[in-house]
Amino acid sequence: MQKPSGDTSKPKRAGIRAVRAMEEKISALEVELAQFKQPPVTYRKMQDRVRFLTDANLRLRDDLQRIQEELSTLRFTANRLREATPASAEAVIAPQMLARLVRLCHPDKHDNSLASNEASAWLLGQRT
């Protein structure tokens, strides 16, 4: 810094301090401006988390739709099977009654007739 002509005194310390204070303020403002230009790490993490959750939500919605379609298909199939099953096939014969019926229609007691053979075969097929 040049001294004014005729002035042989040293530059005032207050002026130097003011300049240094202004330089420090400018540096602090530059740091603050740089922070605004680059989002903080936490903001980036939040963005990544939002992307992850959005992707997971889409995958879960796809899975839900697939499962609902499969459930609909299974319900349709179950209804068709219920309709195709005759009411008489739904009745279950108690084991004691089944044994009694087999003894009553056994082919040995009916001269080995075709009807007794078919009835016995059907009754024996009903055992579980």
Protein backbone atom coordinates (compact mmCIF):
# COMPACT_ATOMS: atom_id res chain seq x y z
CA MET A 1 0.00 0.00 0.00
CA GLN A 2 1.35 3.33 -0.98
CA LYS A 3 1.50 6.12 1.43
CA PRO A 4 -0.03 9.40 0.37
CA SER A 5 2.55 11.96 -0.54
CA GLY A 6 3.67 13.95 2.41
CA ASP A 7 2.30 11.40 4.90
CA THR A 8 5.10 9.43 6.53
CA SER A 9 2.91 7.59 9.06
CA LYS A 10 2.17 3.85 8.90
CA PRO A 11 -1.22 2.71 7.47
CA LYS A 12 -3.89 2.67 10.09
CA ARG A 13 -4.40 -0.69 11.72
CA ALA A 14 -8.19 -0.22 11.80
CA GLY A 15 -8.27 -0.11 7.99
CA ILE A 16 -6.27 -3.33 7.69
CA ARG A 17 -8.54 -5.05 10.19
CA ALA A 18 -11.60 -3.93 8.27
CA VAL A 19 -10.18 -5.29 5.02
CA ARG A 20 -9.34 -8.63 6.66
CA ALA A 21 -12.81 -8.84 8.19
CA MET A 22 -14.35 -8.20 4.78
CA GLU A 23 -12.14 -10.90 3.23
CA GLU A 24 -13.26 -13.37 5.92
CA LYS A 25 -16.92 -12.51 5.27
CA ILE A 26 -16.42 -12.99 1.54
CA SER A 27 -14.77 -16.40 2.16
CA ALA A 28 -17.64 -17.46 4.43
CA LEU A 29 -20.20 -16.36 1.82
CA GLU A 30 -18.33 -18.30 -0.87
CA VAL A 31 -18.44 -21.45 1.32
CA GLU A 32 -22.16 -20.92 1.96
CA LEU A 33 -22.79 -20.44 -1.76
CA ALA A 34 -20.92 -23.67 -2.56
CA GLN A 35 -23.17 -25.52 -0.11
CA PHE A 36 -26.25 -24.31 -1.95
CA LYS A 37 -24.81 -25.41 -5.29
CA GLN A 38 -24.21 -28.97 -3.97
CA PRO A 39 -26.96 -30.52 -1.91
CA PRO A 40 -25.79 -31.85 1.43
CA VAL A 41 -25.17 -35.56 1.86
CA THR A 42 -28.37 -36.00 3.83
CA TYR A 43 -30.39 -34.57 0.93
CA ARG A 44 -28.76 -37.02 -1.46
CA LYS A 45 -29.47 -39.89 0.92
CA MET A 46 -33.10 -38.81 1.10
CA GLN A 47 -33.31 -38.74 -2.70
CA ASP A 48 -31.82 -42.24 -2.90
CA ARG A 49 -34.24 -43.47 -0.24
CA VAL A 50 -37.21 -41.99 -2.12
CA ARG A 51 -36.06 -43.67 -5.34
CA PHE A 52 -35.62 -47.00 -3.53
CA LEU A 53 -39.06 -46.81 -1.92
CA THR A 54 -40.69 -45.79 -5.20
CA ASP A 55 -39.13 -48.79 -6.96
CA ALA A 56 -40.13 -51.10 -4.11
CA ASN A 57 -43.68 -49.75 -4.27
CA LEU A 58 -43.87 -50.48 -8.01
CA ARG A 59 -42.56 -54.02 -7.48
CA LEU A 60 -45.07 -54.64 -4.70
CA ARG A 61 -47.92 -53.32 -6.84
CA ASP A 62 -46.87 -55.69 -9.65
CA ASP A 63 -46.72 -58.59 -7.17
CA LEU A 64 -50.14 -57.65 -5.78
CA GLN A 65 -51.66 -57.58 -9.26
CA ARG A 66 -50.12 -60.95 -10.13
CA ILE A 67 -51.37 -62.50 -6.88
CA GLN A 68 -54.86 -61.06 -7.37
CA GLU A 69 -54.97 -62.53 -10.89
CA GLU A 70 -53.82 -65.91 -9.57
CA LEU A 71 -56.42 -65.76 -6.78
CA SER A 72 -59.14 -64.96 -9.32
CA THR A 73 -58.06 -67.91 -11.47
CA LEU A 74 -58.05 -70.25 -8.46
CA ARG A 75 -61.51 -69.09 -7.36
CA PHE A 76 -62.84 -69.64 -10.89
CA THR A 77 -61.33 -73.15 -10.97
CA ALA A 78 -62.73 -73.98 -7.52
CA ASN A 79 -66.22 -72.86 -8.58
CA ARG A 80 -66.04 -74.96 -11.75
CA LEU A 81 -64.98 -78.00 -9.73
CA ARG A 82 -67.79 -77.45 -7.21
CA GLU A 83 -70.32 -77.23 -10.03
CA ALA A 84 -68.93 -80.36 -11.72
CA THR A 85 -69.04 -82.45 -8.55
CA PRO A 86 -72.35 -84.31 -8.19
CA ALA A 87 -74.13 -83.86 -4.87
CA SER A 88 -74.06 -87.60 -4.19
CA ALA A 89 -70.26 -87.67 -4.37
CA GLU A 90 -70.08 -85.07 -1.61
CA ALA A 91 -71.83 -87.40 0.84
CA VAL A 92 -69.39 -89.45 2.85
CA ILE A 93 -70.34 -92.91 4.00
CA ALA A 94 -69.36 -93.69 7.56
CA PRO A 95 -66.78 -96.52 7.75
CA GLN A 96 -69.09 -98.78 9.80
CA MET A 97 -71.93 -98.33 7.29
CA LEU A 98 -69.55 -98.95 4.39
CA ALA A 99 -68.41 -102.24 5.90
CA ARG A 100 -72.03 -103.30 6.45
CA LEU A 101 -73.00 -102.44 2.85
CA VAL A 102 -70.04 -104.38 1.46
CA ARG A 103 -71.08 -107.45 3.50
CA LEU A 104 -74.70 -107.12 2.34
CA CYS A 105 -73.94 -106.89 -1.37
CA HIS A 106 -70.90 -109.18 -1.47
CA PRO A 107 -70.87 -111.30 -4.66
CA ASP A 108 -70.62 -114.55 -2.63
CA LYS A 109 -74.10 -113.86 -1.24
CA HIS A 110 -75.58 -113.06 -4.67
CA ASP A 111 -74.29 -115.91 -6.83
CA ASN A 112 -71.43 -113.74 -8.09
CA SER A 113 -73.86 -111.54 -10.04
CA LEU A 114 -72.64 -108.67 -12.17
CA ALA A 115 -74.66 -106.16 -10.10
CA SER A 116 -73.17 -107.36 -6.80
CA ASN A 117 -69.65 -107.27 -8.26
CA GLU A 118 -70.11 -103.66 -9.50
CA ALA A 119 -71.72 -102.53 -6.25
CA SER A 120 -68.98 -104.12 -4.14
CA ALA A 121 -66.24 -102.61 -6.31
CA TRP A 122 -67.83 -99.18 -6.04
CA LEU A 123 -68.26 -99.45 -2.26
CA LEU A 124 -64.66 -100.59 -1.81
CA GLY A 125 -63.57 -97.61 -3.92
CA GLN A 126 -65.27 -95.27 -1.43
CA ARG A 127 -62.92 -96.26 1.38
CA THR A 128 -60.53 -93.51 2.43
